[in-house]
Amino acid sequence: MVVDVAFYTLVHQPRRLKLPAQPIPRYASIEDITRCLFDERLNEYYFRQVAQASYYPGARVLLEMVRKQGLRLALGFSLSFVRQAELWEPALLDLFRALVAEEGVELVGSDPYHSLHCLLDLPAFALRMNWMADELERLFGKRPTVTDSTEMCMSASIYDALDAAGFRGAFIDSDPRIMQWRSSNYLYRYSDEQDNPFEIKSPARARRSAKSAERDRQGPPYTSETLNDDCLVLLPRHRELSADVGQRFSNNAWAGYPLYADAYARWIAQAAGDFVLLNWDFESFGERHAHASGIFEFMQALPDELEQHGVSLRTPSELINRYAEERTYHLPLPVHPPTWSEMLGLESSSSYGPQRELFQLLRDIYNLARLTENSDLFELAIWLAQSDNFRLLQGAGSQLATAVTPQEWWRLGPTEMLREQKQVYLNVLCALEPYLPARILRQARRKPAPTKPARRKPAVEKTKTATAVRQK
C-alpha cells in the first residue's frame, strides 16, 4: 500500500491559428505575418470563457484548500497561458501568484508553449527550458526544479536534454511501451552513471550571450554551479487513477460513476508501491467537468479522506527527497517518444499521413527561421510548433481533437480544416524567404545608387529673368 500521493495540474491555453488561412503578402513585416497567422479575437474569447468556468473558481478553491486543509500540490503553467493572461486577465494571474506563493505549492516548469520543440532541436530545447525557468521565477518568485515536457513525452535524448538544463526531476507518462512490466509508483533514472576509468576532458564551453532574447544561442544551458550532483529523476504518473478524475469523472456511462472522495482515496491507498502521482489538466475543474458534476466538492473532500486512509500529500520534490536516496530504479528509455512518434508517423518512413506532412512543413519552417538569424521569426516558428495544432489531425471524431478545436472551425468541415491548416504553414514558408540574409544582401546591392537632383534656380532669379524679358 502506498503512503504518499502527489497532485500535479497544468494550466495551458493554446494560441489558435486563423482559419481559413490568410494570404501573407510578399515582403510583409513580422507584425503583419503574425496578424495573418493568429486569431487573437478567437483566443481572447476562449480564454475568457475558460477563465470564468475553470481558472477563477478552480484557483480560489485550491487556495482555500491549501490555507485551511493543508493541501500540497504541484502547479505548472505554460508561458502561452501566461502571455494571454497578461493581456486579457491580469487579475487571474495575480490570483495564481497568490496560490503559488503558498508554502504547500510547488511550481513546475513545462515546455513554454506546449510545443514539439523537443522533437525539432534538442540543444535549443534545453536552452529554452532553462530560459522558461528564468521566466517563471521572474513571474512567480519561485524557480522550478521539476519539469514537464509536452504531454510528458520522454525519450533517451529528451531525458539528457532536461538533465543538461539543470532540472532535478521530470514527469513521465507511464506508457506500457516505456514502463513494460514496471510499476508507475516508484522513482526511476535513465542514466546509470559510474566512475569512468578513462580520462575524458571537460567539453569546451562556447561563449554565451548576455542577451536573454537569444534563446537559441550556442553552449550548454548550465554552469558548474547550476549542474545537479545527481542525474535527473523520473516521476511516472499513474495513468488510470489520473484518468478517473481528469477524463471519466462526469461520464455517467463509466462503471465507477458517480465517483466519491472516499472511494477514490481507498483506490489510492490500495495501490502498490511508494507513491501515486496524479496528473490532471486544470481545465478538468469546471470546464471539462462542469460545476454541477460535483467536481469541486469532490476535491474539497479528498484531503480528509486520504488522511483517514493513512495517505500523506506530498509535492514532487518531497517525493524525490524521501525516496531518491533510498531506492531509485533504472528505466531504459526508447529512442523516440512513443506517443508523438506514433501520432506524427515517425516510426515508419512509409507512413505519410496529414500529421507527418504537417510535421515536415514545421521542420522546414523551423530551419528556415534559424537561417534568417532573426530571433522574432525563430519565436514565431516555435509558436507554430504548439502540439495543439497537431491534435486536430487525430481525426474529427476523437475526444482530444474535439476538445482543442474551436467551434468556429468545424463549419469548414474536417477535410477543409486540415487543408487550410496546411496552407497556413505553406504561407509562412513563403513569407520567411525574403528575410534570408543572402537575399537581403543581394537586394541591397541591386538598388541603384541615388542620383543627385538637378539644382533648381531660386525663385528670385526666375522673377528677375521674367521681368528683364518683359522690359525688352
Foldseek 3Di string as FASTA:
>chain_A
DAFAEAEEAEEADAFDFDPLQDFDDAPHDLVSLVVRTTDVVVSLVVLVVLCVQFQVVVLVLLQCCCVPVVFAHEYEYALNNVVSCVVRPVVSLVSVLSSCPRPRYAYEYEQNNLFPVCVQDLQLSLLSSLLSQVVCCVSRVDGHQEYAYRVQFDFPSNQVSVLLSQHAEYEHEVDCVFQVPHDLFAKADADPDDDDPDDDDDDDADDDDPDSLPSRDDGTNDDPVRRDPDGYMYRYADPPLQCCQQPVCQPPVDPCPPPALLVSLVVLLPDDHHYHYHYHYSSSRRNNQNVVSCSSVRVSCNSVSNVVSSHYYDYPVVSCVVHVVPDYYHTHGHRGRVPVCVLQVVVDPVDDDLSVVLVVLLSLQCVLLVQLVDSSSNVVSRSLRNCLLSQCVVDPPDPSNVVSDDPVLCVCPSVSSSVSNSVNSVSSSSNSVCSRPVNVVVVVVPDDDDDDDDDDDDPVVVVVVVVVVVVD
